[in-house]
Amino acid sequence: MNVQVEFCGEWFDVSEGQTFQIGREGDLEIDDNPYLHRRFLTISRHDDLWWLENVGSRISATVADSDGNMQAWLAPGARLPLVFAHTSVLFTAGPTTYELGIVGDSPSFEATSPGSTQVGETTIGPVTLTDSQKLLIISLAEPVLRGRGSTASIPTSAQAAARLGWAITRFNRKLDNVCEKLARFGVRGLRGAPGQLAVNRRARLVEHAVASRLVVAADLELLEANAESAAAERAERADGEAAVQ
């Protein structure tokens, strides 16, 4: 199987005898971001398989097939076989989230998925999200969804709360709830020490949601509809206050 890597519209060929290096330096120089390892990921062929390995010491990567049906969290020191026709890789260094694709012309595994039915709520496996929980995730993932395949900065909680027209206390409470919910169902990286949530949970939440297709670009319409509804409510309250005066 021949392998190519795509990043920001640029393609790189990986030869069979090569260890292809990805990071701040290497065959694919991602960015001069000081939070990014000089050598972060490598692609090489062993035992008749191509492997993706995390050779960094701090950053993890979210790895998924093109449909988001299968997903893994690639921690430092771990490696995964590249068995799909297209593999998506998302990772966050400091304030920036990156996405790259790895394409093989002869995949050794092809996933099939049954059709899914949605009835008012979003379901991923056994996890059900409320409308407000999905809106929260979309607000955080908006820059990534608008610039798929490139780089993006994830909003702060205050920025995302303002985008939704929520108080920061409400936003943080719902963020706690959705992270706890996903963590209970096996999504890694959302918890820090026992009983605590991870400091970089927003980035990990976005990586998981985008890679698993829990949220997609079409969902951005929900964000715009929420903004319009919030603006209409503010205008109605203003009119009511003016009438009282």
C-alpha atoms as a PDB file:
ATOM      1  CA  MET A   1       0.000   0.000   0.000  1.00  0.00           C
ATOM      2  CA  ASN A   2       1.338   3.393  -0.990  1.00  0.00           C
ATOM      3  CA  VAL A   3       0.811   6.160   1.559  1.00  0.00           C
ATOM      4  CA  GLN A   4       0.395   9.908   1.178  1.00  0.00           C
ATOM      5  CA  VAL A   5      -0.050  12.601   3.812  1.00  0.00           C
ATOM      6  CA  GLU A   6      -2.194  15.690   3.206  1.00  0.00           C
ATOM      7  CA  PHE A   7      -1.901  18.859   5.246  1.00  0.00           C
ATOM      8  CA  CYS A   8      -3.450  22.227   4.340  1.00  0.00           C
ATOM      9  CA  GLY A   9      -3.879  21.111   0.723  1.00  0.00           C
ATOM     10  CA  GLU A  10      -0.250  20.007   0.319  1.00  0.00           C
ATOM     11  CA  TRP A  11       0.551  16.343  -0.379  1.00  0.00           C
ATOM     12  CA  PHE A  12       3.585  14.342   0.749  1.00  0.00           C
ATOM     13  CA  ASP A  13       4.590  10.880  -0.500  1.00  0.00           C
ATOM     14  CA  VAL A  14       5.878   8.365   2.049  1.00  0.00           C
ATOM     15  CA  SER A  15       8.316   5.793   0.647  1.00  0.00           C
ATOM     16  CA  GLU A  16       8.453   2.242   1.982  1.00  0.00           C
ATOM     17  CA  GLY A  17      11.957   2.445   3.408  1.00  0.00           C
ATOM     18  CA  GLN A  18      11.405   5.834   5.003  1.00  0.00           C
ATOM     19  CA  THR A  19      10.507   6.969   8.510  1.00  0.00           C
ATOM     20  CA  PHE A  20       8.342   9.973   7.696  1.00  0.00           C
ATOM     21  CA  GLN A  21       8.595  12.571  10.470  1.00  0.00           C
ATOM     22  CA  ILE A  22       5.909  15.096  11.403  1.00  0.00           C
ATOM     23  CA  GLY A  23       6.330  17.973  13.829  1.00  0.00           C
ATOM     24  CA  ARG A  24       7.890  21.379  14.194  1.00  0.00           C
ATOM     25  CA  GLU A  25      10.711  19.963  12.085  1.00  0.00           C
ATOM     26  CA  GLY A  26      10.903  16.943   9.789  1.00  0.00           C
ATOM     27  CA  ASP A  27       9.533  15.771   6.465  1.00  0.00           C
ATOM     28  CA  LEU A  28       6.271  17.565   7.242  1.00  0.00           C
ATOM     29  CA  GLU A  29       6.959  20.787   9.119  1.00  0.00           C
ATOM     30  CA  ILE A  30       3.575  21.584  10.641  1.00  0.00           C
ATOM     31  CA  ASP A  31       4.264  24.944  12.247  1.00  0.00           C
ATOM     32  CA  ASP A  32       6.842  26.830  14.298  1.00  0.00           C
ATOM     33  CA  ASN A  33       4.428  26.586  17.250  1.00  0.00           C
ATOM     34  CA  PRO A  34       6.660  26.303  20.367  1.00  0.00           C
ATOM     35  CA  TYR A  35       4.053  24.035  22.016  1.00  0.00           C
ATOM     36  CA  LEU A  36       4.522  21.460  19.250  1.00  0.00           C
ATOM     37  CA  HIS A  37       7.246  18.811  19.510  1.00  0.00           C
ATOM     38  CA  ARG A  38      10.097  19.029  17.043  1.00  0.00           C
ATOM     39  CA  ARG A  39       9.371  15.358  16.326  1.00  0.00           C
ATOM     40  CA  PHE A  40       5.775  14.456  17.133  1.00  0.00           C
ATOM     41  CA  LEU A  41       4.489  11.715  14.804  1.00  0.00           C
ATOM     42  CA  THR A  42       6.224   9.240  12.524  1.00  0.00           C
ATOM     43  CA  ILE A  43       4.929   6.999   9.728  1.00  0.00           C
ATOM     44  CA  SER A  44       6.913   3.888   8.841  1.00  0.00           C
ATOM     45  CA  ARG A  45       6.388   0.374   7.520  1.00  0.00           C
ATOM     46  CA  HIS A  46       7.023  -2.734   9.638  1.00  0.00           C
ATOM     47  CA  ASP A  47       5.674  -6.297   9.514  1.00  0.00           C
ATOM     48  CA  ASP A  48       3.841  -5.628   6.233  1.00  0.00           C
ATOM     49  CA  LEU A  49       1.868  -2.757   7.791  1.00  0.00           C
ATOM     50  CA  TRP A  50       2.197   1.020   7.877  1.00  0.00           C
ATOM     51  CA  TRP A  51       2.313   2.400  11.430  1.00  0.00           C
ATOM     52  CA  LEU A  52       1.600   5.807  12.922  1.00  0.00           C
ATOM     53  CA  GLU A  53       3.619   6.390  16.093  1.00  0.00           C
ATOM     54  CA  ASN A  54       3.545   9.207  18.638  1.00  0.00           C
ATOM     55  CA  VAL A  55       7.198   9.893  19.454  1.00  0.00           C
ATOM     56  CA  GLY A  56       6.435  13.022  21.488  1.00  0.00           C
ATOM     57  CA  SER A  57       6.329  13.260  25.255  1.00  0.00           C
ATOM     58  CA  ARG A  58       3.323  15.479  26.049  1.00  0.00           C
ATOM     59  CA  ILE A  59       0.817  15.784  23.194  1.00  0.00           C
ATOM     60  CA  SER A  60      -1.709  13.112  22.202  1.00  0.00           C
ATOM     61  CA  ALA A  61      -3.490  12.773  18.870  1.00  0.00           C
ATOM     62  CA  THR A  62      -7.016  11.724  17.954  1.00  0.00           C
ATOM     63  CA  VAL A  63      -7.025   9.219  15.091  1.00  0.00           C
ATOM     64  CA  ALA A  64     -10.158   8.142  13.202  1.00  0.00           C
ATOM     65  CA  ASP A  65     -11.344   6.631   9.952  1.00  0.00           C
ATOM     66  CA  SER A  66     -12.934   8.938   7.390  1.00  0.00           C
ATOM     67  CA  ASP A  67     -16.494   8.264   8.616  1.00  0.00           C
ATOM     68  CA  GLY A  68     -15.691   8.628  12.303  1.00  0.00           C
ATOM     69  CA  ASN A  69     -16.931   5.111  13.054  1.00  0.00           C
ATOM     70  CA  MET A  70     -13.659   4.034  14.624  1.00  0.00           C
ATOM     71  CA  GLN A  71     -11.508   6.303  16.775  1.00  0.00           C
ATOM     72  CA  ALA A  72      -8.405   5.990  18.920  1.00  0.00           C
ATOM     73  CA  TRP A  73      -6.439   8.264  21.217  1.00  0.00           C
ATOM     74  CA  LEU A  74      -2.738   8.037  20.361  1.00  0.00           C
ATOM     75  CA  ALA A  75      -0.837   8.876  23.543  1.00  0.00           C
ATOM     76  CA  PRO A  76       2.926   9.530  23.723  1.00  0.00           C
ATOM     77  CA  GLY A  77       4.837   6.317  23.053  1.00  0.00           C
ATOM     78  CA  ALA A  78       1.868   4.558  21.421  1.00  0.00           C
ATOM     79  CA  ARG A  79       1.516   3.432  17.810  1.00  0.00           C
ATOM     80  CA  LEU A  80      -1.348   2.317  15.569  1.00  0.00           C
ATOM     81  CA  PRO A  81      -1.493   0.447  12.251  1.00  0.00           C
ATOM     82  CA  LEU A  82      -2.792   2.470   9.324  1.00  0.00           C
ATOM     83  CA  VAL A  83      -5.419   0.113   7.927  1.00  0.00           C
ATOM     84  CA  PHE A  84      -7.990   2.504   6.430  1.00  0.00           C
ATOM     85  CA  ALA A  85      -8.147   4.106   3.010  1.00  0.00           C
ATOM     86  CA  HIS A  86      -8.247   7.496   4.732  1.00  0.00           C
ATOM     87  CA  THR A  87      -7.209   8.247   8.291  1.00  0.00           C
ATOM     88  CA  SER A  88      -7.879  11.608   9.965  1.00  0.00           C
ATOM     89  CA  VAL A  89      -5.460  12.837  12.616  1.00  0.00           C
ATOM     90  CA  LEU A  90      -6.290  15.776  14.898  1.00  0.00           C
ATOM     91  CA  PHE A  91      -4.082  17.174  17.644  1.00  0.00           C
ATOM     92  CA  THR A  92      -3.749  20.359  19.676  1.00  0.00           C
ATOM     93  CA  ALA A  93      -0.543  22.182  20.629  1.00  0.00           C
ATOM     94  CA  GLY A  94      -1.058  25.210  22.852  1.00  0.00           C
ATOM     95  CA  PRO A  95      -3.989  27.239  21.486  1.00  0.00           C
ATOM     96  CA  THR A  96      -3.943  25.677  18.008  1.00  0.00           C
ATOM     97  CA  THR A  97      -5.645  22.543  16.674  1.00  0.00           C
ATOM     98  CA  TYR A  98      -4.279  20.842  13.559  1.00  0.00           C
ATOM     99  CA  GLU A  99      -5.765  18.269  11.209  1.00  0.00           C
ATOM    100  CA  LEU A 100      -4.024  16.112   8.629  1.00  0.00           C
ATOM    101  CA  GLY A 101      -5.040  13.166   6.495  1.00  0.00           C
ATOM    102  CA  ILE A 102      -3.211   9.943   5.716  1.00  0.00           C
ATOM    103  CA  VAL A 103      -4.314   8.165   2.545  1.00  0.00           C
ATOM    104  CA  GLY A 104      -3.483   4.623   1.407  1.00  0.00           C
ATOM    105  CA  ASP A 105      -4.401   3.124  -1.954  1.00  0.00           C
ATOM    106  CA  SER A 106      -4.800  -0.484  -0.729  1.00  0.00           C
ATOM    107  CA  PRO A 107      -6.480  -0.473   2.711  1.00  0.00           C
ATOM    108  CA  SER A 108      -6.384  -3.698   4.704  1.00  0.00           C
ATOM    109  CA  PHE A 109      -9.610  -2.857   6.512  1.00  0.00           C
ATOM    110  CA  GLU A 110     -12.891  -1.352   5.331  1.00  0.00           C
ATOM    111  CA  ALA A 111     -15.549  -0.431   7.861  1.00  0.00           C
ATOM    112  CA  THR A 112     -19.264  -0.639   7.174  1.00  0.00           C
ATOM    113  CA  SER A 113     -21.827   1.125   9.285  1.00  0.00           C
ATOM    114  CA  PRO A 114     -25.611   0.729   9.450  1.00  0.00           C
ATOM    115  CA  GLY A 115     -27.836   3.694   8.858  1.00  0.00           C
ATOM    116  CA  SER A 116     -28.675   5.738  11.931  1.00  0.00           C
ATOM    117  CA  THR A 117     -31.920   7.341  13.033  1.00  0.00           C
ATOM    118  CA  GLN A 118     -32.137  10.624  14.873  1.00  0.00           C
ATOM    119  CA  VAL A 119     -35.237  11.630  16.817  1.00  0.00           C
ATOM    120  CA  GLY A 120     -34.687  15.132  18.184  1.00  0.00           C
ATOM    121  CA  GLU A 121     -31.497  14.288  20.042  1.00  0.00           C
ATOM    122  CA  THR A 122     -27.940  13.478  18.998  1.00  0.00           C
ATOM    123  CA  THR A 123     -26.733   9.978  19.789  1.00  0.00           C
ATOM    124  CA  ILE A 124     -23.213   8.569  19.556  1.00  0.00           C
ATOM    125  CA  GLY A 125     -23.105   4.983  20.715  1.00  0.00           C
ATOM    126  CA  PRO A 126     -24.974   4.944  24.031  1.00  0.00           C
ATOM    127  CA  VAL A 127     -24.425   8.677  24.674  1.00  0.00           C
ATOM    128  CA  THR A 128     -27.340  11.067  24.173  1.00  0.00           C
ATOM    129  CA  LEU A 129     -26.772  14.813  23.947  1.00  0.00           C
ATOM    130  CA  THR A 130     -29.352  17.470  24.660  1.00  0.00           C
ATOM    131  CA  ASP A 131     -29.794  20.351  22.210  1.00  0.00           C
ATOM    132  CA  SER A 132     -27.887  22.718  24.504  1.00  0.00           C
ATOM    133  CA  GLN A 133     -25.018  20.250  24.926  1.00  0.00           C
ATOM    134  CA  LYS A 134     -24.690  19.921  21.162  1.00  0.00           C
ATOM    135  CA  LEU A 135     -24.761  23.714  20.778  1.00  0.00           C
ATOM    136  CA  LEU A 136     -21.939  23.984  23.303  1.00  0.00           C
ATOM    137  CA  ILE A 137     -19.788  21.531  21.346  1.00  0.00           C
ATOM    138  CA  ILE A 138     -20.514  23.310  18.057  1.00  0.00           C
ATOM    139  CA  SER A 139     -19.544  26.665  19.566  1.00  0.00           C
ATOM    140  CA  LEU A 140     -16.152  25.260  20.558  1.00  0.00           C
ATOM    141  CA  ALA A 141     -15.641  23.339  17.304  1.00  0.00           C
ATOM    142  CA  GLU A 142     -16.773  26.171  15.005  1.00  0.00           C
ATOM    143  CA  PRO A 143     -13.273  27.282  13.866  1.00  0.00           C
ATOM    144  CA  VAL A 144     -12.256  23.675  13.130  1.00  0.00           C
ATOM    145  CA  LEU A 145     -15.502  22.933  11.269  1.00  0.00           C
ATOM    146  CA  ARG A 146     -15.140  26.073   9.159  1.00  0.00           C
ATOM    147  CA  GLY A 147     -11.542  25.251   8.252  1.00  0.00           C
ATOM    148  CA  ARG A 148     -11.464  21.458   7.966  1.00  0.00           C
ATOM    149  CA  GLY A 149      -8.059  20.158   6.961  1.00  0.00           C
ATOM    150  CA  SER A 150      -6.136  23.198   8.165  1.00  0.00           C
ATOM    151  CA  THR A 151      -5.380  24.843  11.503  1.00  0.00           C
ATOM    152  CA  ALA A 152      -7.698  26.585  13.934  1.00  0.00           C
ATOM    153  CA  SER A 153      -7.737  28.175  17.370  1.00  0.00           C
ATOM    154  CA  ILE A 154     -10.344  26.802  19.759  1.00  0.00           C
ATOM    155  CA  PRO A 155     -12.349  29.557  21.483  1.00  0.00           C
ATOM    156  CA  THR A 156     -11.971  30.199  25.190  1.00  0.00           C
ATOM    157  CA  SER A 157     -14.943  29.354  27.369  1.00  0.00           C
ATOM    158  CA  ALA A 158     -15.752  33.068  27.604  1.00  0.00           C
ATOM    159  CA  GLN A 159     -15.695  33.470  23.811  1.00  0.00           C
ATOM    160  CA  ALA A 160     -17.869  30.400  23.242  1.00  0.00           C
ATOM    161  CA  ALA A 161     -20.321  31.509  25.948  1.00  0.00           C
ATOM    162  CA  ALA A 162     -20.625  34.924  24.304  1.00  0.00           C
ATOM    163  CA  ARG A 163     -21.202  33.258  20.913  1.00  0.00           C
ATOM    164  CA  LEU A 164     -24.139  31.377  22.442  1.00  0.00           C
ATOM    165  CA  GLY A 165     -25.430  34.322  24.469  1.00  0.00           C
ATOM    166  CA  TRP A 166     -24.949  32.369  27.701  1.00  0.00           C
ATOM    167  CA  ALA A 167     -23.566  33.413  31.053  1.00  0.00           C
ATOM    168  CA  ILE A 168     -20.098  31.968  31.638  1.00  0.00           C
ATOM    169  CA  THR A 169     -21.363  30.089  34.711  1.00  0.00           C
ATOM    170  CA  ARG A 170     -24.001  28.322  32.602  1.00  0.00           C
ATOM    171  CA  PHE A 171     -21.444  27.482  29.922  1.00  0.00           C
ATOM    172  CA  ASN A 172     -18.941  26.022  32.392  1.00  0.00           C
ATOM    173  CA  ARG A 173     -21.631  23.973  34.113  1.00  0.00           C
ATOM    174  CA  LYS A 174     -22.760  22.453  30.820  1.00  0.00           C
ATOM    175  CA  LEU A 175     -19.144  21.894  29.740  1.00  0.00           C
ATOM    176  CA  ASP A 176     -18.559  19.973  32.981  1.00  0.00           C
ATOM    177  CA  ASN A 177     -21.664  17.884  32.319  1.00  0.00           C
ATOM    178  CA  VAL A 178     -20.884  16.968  28.711  1.00  0.00           C
ATOM    179  CA  CYS A 179     -17.250  16.115  29.498  1.00  0.00           C
ATOM    180  CA  GLU A 180     -18.309  13.913  32.404  1.00  0.00           C
ATOM    181  CA  LYS A 181     -20.935  12.233  30.250  1.00  0.00           C
ATOM    182  CA  LEU A 182     -18.492  11.376  27.455  1.00  0.00           C
ATOM    183  CA  ALA A 183     -15.779  10.348  29.915  1.00  0.00           C
ATOM    184  CA  ARG A 184     -18.164   7.857  31.542  1.00  0.00           C
ATOM    185  CA  PHE A 185     -18.630   6.231  28.153  1.00  0.00           C
ATOM    186  CA  GLY A 186     -14.928   5.802  27.516  1.00  0.00           C
ATOM    187  CA  VAL A 187     -13.797   9.003  25.786  1.00  0.00           C
ATOM    188  CA  ARG A 188     -10.260   9.537  27.056  1.00  0.00           C
ATOM    189  CA  GLY A 189      -8.523  12.818  27.799  1.00  0.00           C
ATOM    190  CA  LEU A 190     -11.499  14.621  29.359  1.00  0.00           C
ATOM    191  CA  ARG A 191     -10.457  13.871  32.919  1.00  0.00           C
ATOM    192  CA  GLY A 192      -7.273  14.874  34.690  1.00  0.00           C
ATOM    193  CA  ALA A 193      -6.445  13.470  38.095  1.00  0.00           C
ATOM    194  CA  PRO A 194      -9.080  11.176  39.687  1.00  0.00           C
ATOM    195  CA  GLY A 195     -12.279  13.141  40.155  1.00  0.00           C
ATOM    196  CA  GLN A 196     -10.980  16.126  38.178  1.00  0.00           C
ATOM    197  CA  LEU A 197     -11.507  17.308  34.612  1.00  0.00           C
ATOM    198  CA  ALA A 198      -8.521  17.812  32.318  1.00  0.00           C
ATOM    199  CA  VAL A 199      -7.179  21.336  31.860  1.00  0.00           C
ATOM    200  CA  ASN A 200      -7.204  20.988  28.051  1.00  0.00           C
ATOM    201  CA  ARG A 201     -10.634  19.360  27.943  1.00  0.00           C
ATOM    202  CA  ARG A 202     -11.995  21.875  25.411  1.00  0.00           C
ATOM    203  CA  ALA A 203      -9.376  20.836  22.852  1.00  0.00           C
ATOM    204  CA  ARG A 204      -9.876  17.138  23.510  1.00  0.00           C
ATOM    205  CA  LEU A 205     -13.663  17.547  23.314  1.00  0.00           C
ATOM    206  CA  VAL A 206     -13.361  19.249  19.932  1.00  0.00           C
ATOM    207  CA  GLU A 207     -10.949  16.625  18.597  1.00  0.00           C
ATOM    208  CA  HIS A 208     -13.278  13.800  19.617  1.00  0.00           C
ATOM    209  CA  ALA A 209     -16.445  15.504  18.353  1.00  0.00           C
ATOM    210  CA  VAL A 210     -14.971  16.378  14.947  1.00  0.00           C
ATOM    211  CA  ALA A 211     -13.159  13.062  14.410  1.00  0.00           C
ATOM    212  CA  SER A 212     -16.210  10.991  15.395  1.00  0.00           C
ATOM    213  CA  ARG A 213     -18.545  13.221  13.318  1.00  0.00           C
ATOM    214  CA  LEU A 214     -20.516  13.982  16.451  1.00  0.00           C
ATOM    215  CA  VAL A 215     -20.645  17.477  14.956  1.00  0.00           C
ATOM    216  CA  VAL A 216     -20.213  18.318  11.269  1.00  0.00           C
ATOM    217  CA  ALA A 217     -20.039  21.500   9.215  1.00  0.00           C
ATOM    218  CA  ALA A 218     -23.770  21.373   8.468  1.00  0.00           C
ATOM    219  CA  ASP A 219     -24.428  21.772  12.200  1.00  0.00           C
ATOM    220  CA  LEU A 220     -23.093  25.325  12.045  1.00  0.00           C
ATOM    221  CA  GLU A 221     -26.603  26.274  10.905  1.00  0.00           C
ATOM    222  CA  LEU A 222     -27.789  25.439  14.431  1.00  0.00           C
ATOM    223  CA  LEU A 223     -25.328  27.963  15.815  1.00  0.00           C
ATOM    224  CA  GLU A 224     -26.618  30.679  13.494  1.00  0.00           C
ATOM    225  CA  ALA A 225     -30.232  29.809  14.325  1.00  0.00           C
ATOM    226  CA  ASN A 226     -29.424  30.070  18.035  1.00  0.00           C
ATOM    227  CA  ALA A 227     -27.811  33.487  17.485  1.00  0.00           C
ATOM    228  CA  GLU A 228     -30.884  34.728  15.616  1.00  0.00           C
ATOM    229  CA  SER A 229     -33.200  33.398  18.328  1.00  0.00           C
ATOM    230  CA  ALA A 230     -31.127  35.030  21.076  1.00  0.00           C
ATOM    231  CA  ALA A 231     -31.135  38.345  19.191  1.00  0.00           C
ATOM    232  CA  ALA A 232     -34.922  38.167  18.767  1.00  0.00           C
ATOM    233  CA  GLU A 233     -35.368  37.497  22.494  1.00  0.00           C
ATOM    234  CA  ARG A 234     -33.165  40.466  23.396  1.00  0.00           C
ATOM    235  CA  ALA A 235     -35.124  42.715  21.051  1.00  0.00           C
ATOM    236  CA  GLU A 236     -38.420  41.520  22.532  1.00  0.00           C
ATOM    237  CA  ARG A 237     -37.221  42.200  26.065  1.00  0.00           C
ATOM    238  CA  ALA A 238     -36.010  45.654  25.048  1.00  0.00           C
ATOM    239  CA  ASP A 239     -39.390  46.453  23.489  1.00  0.00           C
ATOM    240  CA  GLY A 240     -41.155  45.266  26.641  1.00  0.00           C
ATOM    241  CA  GLU A 241     -38.970  47.395  28.865  1.00  0.00           C
ATOM    242  CA  ALA A 242     -39.548  50.426  26.619  1.00  0.00           C
ATOM    243  CA  ALA A 243     -43.312  49.893  26.756  1.00  0.00           C
ATOM    244  CA  VAL A 244     -43.268  49.790  30.576  1.00  0.00           C
ATOM    245  CA  GLN A 245     -41.326  53.049  30.719  1.00  0.00           C
END
